[in-house]
Amino acid sequence: EEEEEEEEENGEDGYDSLAAHVDAANIASYDYSAVLYLNAPGHSFEGGDFVFRDGGHGGGGGGGTSDDALVSGENQVVEPSRGRLLLFTSGCENLHQVMAVRPRESKVPASSSASAAAVAVVAAAAAA
């Protein structure tokens, strides 16, 4: 029974998609990672913040980090925004996680409300 609950929480393969991780640890050939936000929170969902843990800074992703925050080791939070593209190296310098996405309560009947489509597309690629 406990095993079934864990599978539901972590997926069939036991991987917790919301846990902090390094992309290259999952697939060693990943050198760079990208996240493209297709939607922003609001009408149909809440959450989905991308968090670089312990001062990871998203090498060139433009996540709004400051040098002071990087030196102090603060987490860097990037909020979803339609069309925002995050690019960062996939190594241990960019430990990160995505916060849970929750459907937003709506007063509009379900039949006429827009569904929460994909929030982000995550891709990682090996260097050429």
Protein backbone atom coordinates (compact mmCIF):
# COMPACT_ATOMS: atom_id res chain seq x y z
CA GLU A 1 0.00 0.00 0.00
CA GLU A 2 2.82 2.44 0.88
CA GLU A 3 4.60 1.51 -2.35
CA GLU A 4 1.49 2.38 -4.40
CA GLU A 5 1.24 5.80 -2.71
CA GLU A 6 4.92 6.49 -3.43
CA GLU A 7 4.45 5.54 -7.10
CA GLU A 8 1.52 7.95 -7.39
CA GLU A 9 3.54 10.76 -5.79
CA ASN A 10 6.78 10.13 -7.70
CA GLY A 11 5.52 8.65 -10.96
CA GLU A 12 5.81 5.07 -12.15
CA ASP A 13 9.60 5.17 -12.34
CA GLY A 14 10.00 6.53 -8.79
CA TYR A 15 11.35 9.90 -10.05
CA ASP A 16 10.06 12.93 -8.15
CA SER A 17 9.72 15.62 -10.82
CA LEU A 18 9.35 18.36 -8.17
CA ALA A 19 12.56 17.51 -6.28
CA ALA A 20 15.65 19.69 -6.66
CA HIS A 21 17.95 18.14 -9.26
CA VAL A 22 20.76 18.63 -11.75
CA ASP A 23 19.86 17.72 -15.33
CA ALA A 24 23.27 16.21 -16.14
CA ALA A 25 22.85 13.80 -13.21
CA ASN A 26 19.76 12.35 -14.92
CA ILE A 27 21.28 12.16 -18.40
CA ALA A 28 25.05 12.53 -18.44
CA SER A 29 25.23 13.80 -22.03
CA TYR A 30 23.24 16.97 -21.19
CA ASP A 31 25.44 20.05 -21.32
CA TYR A 32 22.75 22.72 -21.60
CA SER A 33 19.11 22.90 -20.53
CA ALA A 34 16.25 25.14 -21.62
CA VAL A 35 12.79 25.95 -20.33
CA LEU A 36 10.27 27.76 -22.52
CA TYR A 37 7.14 29.01 -20.76
CA LEU A 38 4.07 28.72 -22.96
CA ASN A 39 1.68 30.28 -20.44
CA ALA A 40 1.78 32.48 -17.37
CA PRO A 41 -0.04 31.83 -14.10
CA GLY A 42 -3.39 33.50 -13.73
CA HIS A 43 -6.54 32.37 -15.46
CA SER A 44 -6.23 28.60 -15.28
CA PHE A 45 -3.29 27.72 -13.00
CA GLU A 46 -1.04 28.90 -10.18
CA GLY A 47 2.53 27.99 -9.26
CA GLY A 48 5.20 26.64 -11.59
CA ASP A 49 8.02 28.89 -10.32
CA PHE A 50 11.48 27.71 -11.38
CA VAL A 51 13.95 27.86 -8.49
CA PHE A 52 17.73 27.78 -8.76
CA ARG A 53 18.84 26.43 -5.36
CA ASP A 54 21.72 27.81 -3.28
CA GLY A 55 22.69 30.61 -5.61
CA GLY A 56 22.57 28.73 -8.91
CA HIS A 57 22.18 31.46 -11.49
CA GLY A 58 21.06 30.04 -14.81
CA GLY A 59 24.15 30.89 -16.88
CA GLY A 60 22.79 33.45 -19.31
CA GLY A 61 19.13 32.69 -18.67
CA GLY A 62 18.37 36.25 -17.64
CA GLY A 63 16.37 35.14 -14.63
CA GLY A 64 16.69 38.50 -12.92
CA THR A 65 19.49 37.54 -10.56
CA SER A 66 21.83 40.01 -8.90
CA ASP A 67 25.52 39.54 -8.18
CA ASP A 68 24.84 40.15 -4.45
CA ALA A 69 22.31 37.31 -4.36
CA LEU A 70 24.73 34.95 -6.10
CA VAL A 71 27.52 35.71 -3.65
CA SER A 72 25.23 35.27 -0.63
CA GLY A 73 23.98 31.88 -1.86
CA GLU A 74 20.29 32.85 -1.96
CA ASN A 75 17.84 30.83 -4.01
CA GLN A 76 16.86 32.52 -7.27
CA VAL A 77 13.18 32.29 -8.23
CA VAL A 78 12.07 32.73 -11.83
CA GLU A 79 8.34 33.21 -12.21
CA PRO A 80 6.57 31.81 -15.27
CA SER A 81 5.92 34.40 -17.96
CA ARG A 82 4.55 33.61 -21.40
CA GLY A 83 7.41 33.41 -23.89
CA ARG A 84 10.16 33.46 -21.24
CA LEU A 85 13.12 31.27 -22.18
CA LEU A 86 15.59 30.06 -19.55
CA LEU A 87 18.94 28.73 -20.76
CA PHE A 88 21.49 27.30 -18.36
CA THR A 89 24.25 24.77 -18.13
CA SER A 90 23.08 21.33 -16.98
CA GLY A 91 25.81 20.69 -14.39
CA CYS A 92 25.92 20.84 -10.61
CA GLU A 93 26.34 24.63 -10.71
CA ASN A 94 22.61 24.83 -11.53
CA LEU A 95 20.77 22.76 -8.95
CA HIS A 96 17.12 23.59 -9.54
CA GLN A 97 13.51 22.56 -9.15
CA VAL A 98 10.08 23.51 -10.43
CA MET A 99 7.41 24.25 -7.87
CA ALA A 100 4.06 22.47 -8.16
CA VAL A 101 1.49 23.69 -10.68
CA ARG A 102 -2.03 23.87 -9.28
CA PRO A 103 -5.29 24.40 -11.15
CA ARG A 104 -6.80 27.75 -10.30
CA GLU A 105 -10.30 27.83 -8.89
CA SER A 106 -12.62 29.41 -11.42
CA LYS A 107 -16.15 30.74 -11.18
CA VAL A 108 -16.64 29.97 -14.87
CA PRO A 109 -18.31 26.61 -15.56
CA ALA A 110 -15.82 23.88 -16.45
CA SER A 111 -17.32 23.43 -19.92
CA SER A 112 -16.42 26.99 -20.93
CA SER A 113 -13.16 27.52 -19.06
CA ALA A 114 -9.81 27.10 -20.76
CA SER A 115 -7.86 24.09 -19.62
CA ALA A 116 -4.37 24.49 -18.17
CA ALA A 117 -2.27 23.49 -21.13
CA ALA A 118 1.45 22.88 -20.91
CA VAL A 119 3.10 25.42 -18.64
CA ALA A 120 6.63 24.81 -19.73
CA VAL A 121 8.57 22.74 -22.13
CA VAL A 122 11.83 21.48 -20.72
CA ALA A 123 14.55 20.43 -23.11
CA ALA A 124 18.14 19.56 -22.58
CA ALA A 125 20.66 19.09 -25.32
CA ALA A 126 24.17 17.77 -25.61
CA ALA A 127 26.79 20.14 -26.94
CA ALA A 128 27.57 19.70 -30.60
